[in-house]
Protein backbone atom coordinates (compact mmCIF):
# COMPACT_ATOMS: atom_id res chain seq x y z
CA UNK A 1 -22.67 -4.54 -3.18
CA UNK A 2 -19.32 -5.69 -4.13
CA UNK A 3 -16.48 -6.69 -1.71
CA UNK A 4 -14.84 -3.20 -2.38
CA UNK A 5 -18.03 -1.47 -1.22
CA UNK A 6 -18.95 -0.36 -4.67
CA UNK A 7 -22.44 -0.79 -5.74
CA UNK A 8 -22.88 -2.15 -9.43
CA UNK A 9 -24.44 -0.06 -11.95
CA UNK A 10 -26.99 -1.05 -14.60
CA UNK A 11 -25.35 1.50 -16.90
CA UNK A 12 -22.55 0.34 -19.15
CA UNK A 13 -19.29 1.80 -17.96
CA UNK A 14 -16.99 3.67 -20.34
CA UNK A 15 -13.86 2.16 -20.82
CA UNK A 16 -11.01 4.30 -19.54
CA UNK A 17 -8.26 5.81 -21.74
CA UNK A 18 -5.20 3.52 -21.79
CA UNK A 19 -1.96 5.43 -22.03
CA UNK A 20 1.16 3.36 -22.61
CA UNK A 21 3.60 6.21 -23.27
CA UNK A 22 4.50 9.64 -21.73
CA UNK A 23 2.80 11.25 -24.80
CA UNK A 24 -0.49 9.31 -24.68
CA UNK A 25 -0.49 10.11 -20.83
CA UNK A 26 0.14 13.84 -21.38
CA UNK A 27 -2.69 13.92 -24.19
CA UNK A 28 -5.18 12.08 -21.76
CA UNK A 29 -4.37 14.34 -19.04
CA UNK A 30 -4.61 17.57 -21.11
CA UNK A 31 -8.22 16.41 -22.18
CA UNK A 32 -9.18 15.95 -18.58
CA UNK A 33 -7.71 19.42 -17.49
CA UNK A 34 -9.35 21.22 -20.52
CA UNK A 35 -12.67 20.09 -19.10
CA UNK A 36 -11.79 21.66 -15.79
CA UNK A 37 -11.56 18.34 -13.91
CA UNK A 38 -9.79 17.78 -10.82
CA UNK A 39 -7.45 14.61 -10.87
CA UNK A 40 -6.88 11.94 -8.19
CA UNK A 41 -3.96 9.35 -8.89
CA UNK A 42 -4.06 5.60 -7.59
CA UNK A 43 -0.70 4.26 -8.09
CA UNK A 44 -0.67 0.34 -8.34
CA UNK A 45 1.39 -2.47 -9.39
CA UNK A 46 -1.73 -4.27 -10.93
CA UNK A 47 -3.14 -7.60 -9.87
CA UNK A 48 -6.02 -5.47 -8.61
CA UNK A 49 -8.13 -6.85 -5.82
CA UNK A 50 -10.90 -5.24 -3.58
CA UNK A 51 -8.26 -3.45 -1.67
CA UNK A 52 -7.21 -1.61 -4.79
CA UNK A 53 -10.87 -1.00 -5.83
CA UNK A 54 -11.46 0.40 -2.53
CA UNK A 55 -8.84 3.04 -3.32
CA UNK A 56 -10.41 3.81 -6.73
CA UNK A 57 -13.65 4.37 -5.05
CA UNK A 58 -12.18 6.71 -2.56
CA UNK A 59 -10.53 8.62 -5.14
CA UNK A 60 -13.68 8.99 -7.03
CA UNK A 61 -15.17 10.70 -4.26
CA UNK A 62 -12.24 13.09 -3.86
CA UNK A 63 -11.80 14.26 -7.59
CA UNK A 64 -13.59 14.51 -10.97
CA UNK A 65 -11.42 11.97 -12.82
CA UNK A 66 -9.42 9.29 -11.36
CA UNK A 67 -6.05 8.05 -13.08
CA UNK A 68 -4.84 4.78 -12.03
CA UNK A 69 -1.23 3.70 -12.82
CA UNK A 70 -0.44 0.03 -13.30
CA UNK A 71 3.31 -0.62 -13.20
CA UNK A 72 5.39 -3.32 -11.57
CA UNK A 73 8.35 -1.18 -10.56
CA UNK A 74 11.87 -2.89 -10.79
CA UNK A 75 13.35 -0.42 -8.68
CA UNK A 76 11.71 -1.50 -5.54
CA UNK A 77 12.66 -5.20 -5.87
CA UNK A 78 16.02 -6.46 -4.65
CA UNK A 79 17.94 -9.32 -6.32
CA UNK A 80 16.14 -12.66 -5.46
CA UNK A 81 12.69 -11.12 -4.97
CA UNK A 82 9.60 -11.96 -6.98
CA UNK A 83 9.84 -9.37 -9.78
CA UNK A 84 9.71 -11.81 -12.55
CA UNK A 85 6.86 -13.99 -10.94
CA UNK A 86 4.82 -10.87 -9.61
CA UNK A 87 1.23 -11.40 -10.63
CA UNK A 88 0.23 -9.56 -13.86
CA UNK A 89 -3.42 -9.76 -14.70
CA UNK A 90 -3.89 -6.92 -17.06
CA UNK A 91 -7.10 -8.03 -18.92
CA UNK A 92 -8.77 -8.60 -15.51
CA UNK A 93 -7.40 -5.13 -14.15
CA UNK A 94 -8.73 -3.16 -17.03
CA UNK A 95 -12.15 -4.79 -16.73
CA UNK A 96 -12.14 -3.97 -12.97
CA UNK A 97 -11.08 -0.37 -13.63
CA UNK A 98 -13.78 0.09 -16.36
CA UNK A 99 -16.34 -1.11 -13.95
CA UNK A 100 -15.10 1.21 -11.20
CA UNK A 101 -15.11 4.23 -13.30
CA UNK A 102 -11.43 5.23 -13.64
CA UNK A 103 -10.80 7.91 -16.45
CA UNK A 104 -7.33 7.03 -17.63
CA UNK A 105 -5.10 4.23 -16.84
CA UNK A 106 -1.29 4.54 -17.17
CA UNK A 107 0.42 1.35 -18.08
CA UNK A 108 4.02 2.03 -19.05
CA UNK A 109 6.86 -0.61 -19.63
CA UNK A 110 10.08 -0.17 -17.39
CA UNK A 111 11.67 1.41 -20.64
CA UNK A 112 8.94 4.00 -20.87
CA UNK A 113 9.23 4.80 -17.02
CA UNK A 114 13.08 4.65 -16.95
CA UNK A 115 14.40 5.67 -20.44
CA UNK A 116 17.84 5.41 -18.94
CA UNK A 117 19.19 3.90 -15.77
CA UNK A 118 18.31 6.35 -13.07
CA UNK A 119 21.33 8.06 -11.54
CA UNK A 120 19.46 10.45 -9.31
CA UNK A 121 16.89 8.77 -7.07
CA UNK A 122 14.88 9.66 -3.85
CA UNK A 123 16.56 8.47 -0.85
CA UNK A 124 14.22 7.28 1.94
CA UNK A 125 16.56 8.29 4.77
CA UNK A 126 16.61 6.77 8.39
CA UNK A 127 12.88 6.25 8.39
CA UNK A 128 13.25 3.98 5.33
CA UNK A 129 15.93 1.82 6.99
CA UNK A 130 13.93 0.24 9.76
CA UNK A 131 11.29 -2.53 9.74
CA UNK A 132 10.58 -3.12 5.86
CA UNK A 133 13.70 -1.22 4.90
CA UNK A 134 15.93 -3.24 6.98
CA UNK A 135 14.72 -6.54 5.50
CA UNK A 136 14.52 -5.02 1.92
CA UNK A 137 17.27 -2.70 1.67
CA UNK A 138 16.82 0.01 -1.01
CA UNK A 139 13.12 -0.89 -1.19
CA UNK A 140 11.75 2.50 -0.10
CA UNK A 141 14.13 4.36 -2.38
CA UNK A 142 12.67 2.47 -5.20
CA UNK A 143 9.19 3.22 -4.18
CA UNK A 144 9.63 6.86 -3.53
CA UNK A 145 11.54 7.34 -6.67
CA UNK A 146 8.57 5.96 -8.75
CA UNK A 147 6.05 7.67 -6.77
CA UNK A 148 7.91 11.06 -7.21
CA UNK A 149 8.02 10.24 -11.02
CA UNK A 150 4.32 9.57 -11.18
CA UNK A 151 3.47 12.71 -9.25
CA UNK A 152 5.53 14.67 -11.67
CA UNK A 153 3.96 13.00 -14.77
CA UNK A 154 0.37 13.06 -13.73
CA UNK A 155 0.43 16.25 -11.36
CA UNK A 156 -2.56 15.03 -9.46
CA UNK A 157 -4.46 17.17 -7.03
CA UNK A 158 -4.80 14.16 -4.76
CA UNK A 159 -3.13 10.77 -4.43
CA UNK A 160 -4.66 7.70 -2.72
CA UNK A 161 -2.75 4.95 -0.91
CA UNK A 162 -3.69 2.04 1.32
CA UNK A 163 -2.85 1.78 4.96
CA UNK A 164 -1.82 -1.81 4.85
CA UNK A 165 1.51 -0.42 3.30
CA UNK A 166 1.68 1.62 6.34
CA UNK A 167 5.48 2.46 6.29
CA UNK A 168 5.29 3.32 2.60
CA UNK A 169 2.29 5.74 3.23
CA UNK A 170 4.28 7.38 6.05
CA UNK A 171 7.20 7.91 3.88
CA UNK A 172 5.25 9.27 0.86
CA UNK A 173 3.62 11.83 3.33
CA UNK A 174 7.19 12.78 4.62
CA UNK A 175 8.49 13.13 1.03
CA UNK A 176 5.49 15.35 -0.01
CA UNK A 177 6.14 17.42 3.05
CA UNK A 178 9.78 17.62 2.86
CA UNK A 179 10.09 18.31 -0.78
CA UNK A 180 6.98 20.65 -0.95
CA UNK A 181 5.26 18.62 -3.47
CA UNK A 182 1.85 19.90 -4.41
CA UNK A 183 -0.47 16.98 -3.90
CA UNK A 184 -2.67 15.84 -0.91
CA UNK A 185 -1.97 12.36 0.07
CA UNK A 186 -4.88 10.34 1.52
CA UNK A 187 -4.87 6.85 3.15
CA UNK A 188 -7.59 4.27 3.08
CA UNK A 189 -8.04 1.65 5.74
CA UNK A 190 -6.94 -2.04 4.94
CA UNK A 191 -9.45 -4.06 3.28
CA UNK A 192 -9.70 -7.63 4.82
CA UNK A 193 -11.05 -11.08 3.89
CA UNK A 194 -13.97 -12.14 6.15
CA UNK A 195 -11.43 -14.06 8.22
CA UNK A 196 -9.31 -11.24 8.74
CA UNK A 197 -6.60 -11.64 6.31
CA UNK A 198 -5.30 -8.24 4.65
CA UNK A 199 -5.88 -8.41 0.84
CA UNK A 200 -2.60 -8.48 -1.13
CA UNK A 201 -1.81 -9.37 -4.57
CA UNK A 202 0.76 -11.88 -2.87
CA UNK A 203 -2.10 -13.88 -1.18
CA UNK A 204 -2.39 -15.52 -4.65
CA UNK A 205 0.82 -17.46 -3.81
CA UNK A 206 -0.74 -19.18 -0.87
CA UNK A 207 -1.70 -22.84 -1.10
CA UNK A 208 -4.68 -23.80 0.90
CA UNK A 209 -2.74 -24.71 4.06
CA UNK A 210 -0.74 -21.53 3.84
CA UNK A 211 -4.00 -19.54 3.38
CA UNK A 212 -5.45 -21.10 6.54
CA UNK A 213 -2.40 -20.32 8.39
CA UNK A 214 -2.24 -16.63 7.06
CA UNK A 215 -5.46 -15.82 8.66
CA UNK A 216 -3.59 -16.07 12.12
CA UNK A 217 -1.49 -12.86 11.38
CA UNK A 218 -4.56 -10.55 11.89
CA UNK A 219 -5.92 -12.64 14.71
CA UNK A 220 -2.75 -12.17 16.54
CA UNK A 221 -2.50 -8.44 15.96
CA UNK A 222 -6.21 -7.82 16.82
CA UNK A 223 -5.93 -10.08 19.82
CA UNK A 224 -2.99 -7.94 21.02
CA UNK A 225 -4.97 -4.85 21.16
CA UNK A 226 -6.86 -6.00 24.10
CA UNK A 227 -3.59 -5.57 26.13
CA UNK A 228 -3.43 -1.82 25.34
CA UNK A 229 -4.43 -0.61 28.75
CA UNK A 230 -1.47 -2.30 30.17
CA UNK A 231 0.95 -0.50 27.98
CA UNK A 232 3.07 -1.08 24.96
CA UNK A 233 5.29 -3.75 26.35
CA UNK A 234 2.26 -5.84 26.91
CA UNK A 235 0.85 -5.28 23.60
CA UNK A 236 4.21 -6.34 21.99
CA UNK A 237 4.46 -9.37 24.09
CA UNK A 238 1.07 -10.70 23.33
CA UNK A 239 1.48 -10.14 19.53
CA UNK A 240 4.85 -11.83 19.44
CA UNK A 241 3.49 -14.79 21.56
CA UNK A 242 0.84 -15.29 18.90
CA UNK A 243 3.17 -14.89 15.96
CA UNK A 244 6.13 -16.89 17.12
CA UNK A 245 3.83 -19.40 18.47
CA UNK A 246 2.88 -20.39 14.95
CA UNK A 247 5.02 -23.22 13.52
CA UNK A 248 4.31 -22.18 9.94
CA UNK A 249 5.38 -18.52 10.54
CA UNK A 250 8.92 -17.22 9.80
CA UNK A 251 8.66 -13.84 11.64
CA UNK A 252 10.71 -10.94 10.37
CA UNK A 253 9.47 -8.59 12.94
CA UNK A 254 6.64 -7.75 15.45
CA UNK A 255 6.68 -4.31 16.97
CA UNK A 256 4.71 -1.22 17.97
CA UNK A 257 5.85 1.95 16.55
CA UNK A 258 4.85 5.74 16.45
CA UNK A 259 3.16 5.85 12.98
CA UNK A 260 4.75 9.14 12.24
CA UNK A 261 8.42 8.09 12.76
CA UNK A 262 8.35 4.28 12.53
CA UNK A 263 10.22 4.19 15.91
CA UNK A 264 9.42 1.81 18.60
CA UNK A 265 7.24 3.43 21.32
CA UNK A 266 8.36 3.65 24.77
CA UNK A 267 6.42 2.54 28.02
CA UNK A 268 4.05 5.56 28.70
CA UNK A 269 3.57 6.54 25.06
CA UNK A 270 -0.04 8.01 24.82
CA UNK A 271 -2.12 8.08 21.57
CA UNK A 272 -2.30 5.86 18.41
CA UNK A 273 0.48 3.48 17.96
CA UNK A 274 0.82 0.97 15.03
CA UNK A 275 1.38 -2.78 15.70
CA UNK A 276 3.09 -4.04 12.53
CA UNK A 277 4.55 -7.32 11.47
CA UNK A 278 5.97 -9.19 8.40
CA UNK A 279 5.75 -12.96 8.35
CA UNK A 280 6.90 -15.52 5.64
CA UNK A 281 4.57 -18.54 5.26
CA UNK A 282 6.60 -20.74 3.02
CA UNK A 283 7.98 -18.67 0.32
CA UNK A 284 5.33 -15.89 0.61
CA UNK A 285 5.99 -12.83 2.48
CA UNK A 286 3.15 -10.99 3.95
CA UNK A 287 2.87 -7.77 5.93
CA UNK A 288 -0.07 -6.28 8.18
CA UNK A 289 -0.48 -3.67 10.74
CA UNK A 290 -3.40 -2.47 13.23
CA UNK A 291 -3.62 0.74 15.08
CA UNK A 292 -3.50 0.55 18.86
CA UNK A 293 -4.92 3.42 21.02
CA UNK A 294 -2.73 3.62 24.00
CA UNK A 295 -3.94 5.39 27.30
CA UNK A 296 -0.73 6.30 28.46
CA UNK A 297 1.30 5.25 31.45
CA UNK A 298 -0.65 2.44 32.91
CA UNK A 299 -1.68 2.39 36.56
CA UNK A 300 0.69 1.02 39.29
């Protein structure tokens, strides 16, 4: 059993069709549709790890054929962010997607994806201006624009995204609902290292000391869940004490939000909330979140 939960097979896997252009993508999709196959889309920026492979595994269970996009989207990087240095591991990515059974890989260049500088883009609105959006202005506009383009190019029946990027997932679901896009969006739980660190392509930036410190992110979040019976303020206080107490951490935010709106929950909130954080360890910025079940107003 692999780290992604995928059982290795003794059979030789078939290499997926690789489409570099819109025409190649259209021809590959036409061949799948001609066979009557349903299609699942897994959008990625490459540098695939076990978390991405869990998305592919879930997609294989939802449709007859899986299309994976591998594209580092420049629209979602602000000036000074790591666009140029973002990990790119094409050979390893293609080998993993071959082993995992992807049918088609769409790997365009920025010029193919954006033949002209976009003048009309998708605006994330107020929900995209808090938390990640507040610290990365315009990020979610870039995310939603590229996802909308991929939905239009691939026309998938279902699209699969990771719950680690919880605000992104919520915004994509909101876009699909608000714009009546004909695709079903499925979230897959975060895949973690044995010590709890959420898998991320940016983990590759961590030196050994930073990697040890990074494990305390999830420890603080999971530890705070024990305070759920005392209410949202208690959960947030415990999480913040754990995060701000680490000298290696430069914390952007630690907050408990409604996962459908990303507004902070008030005392007395009942149901599933999301405890979310973003932390810099050295030059590496990591995000994580865990669901928290709140029983409602705590007893006096």
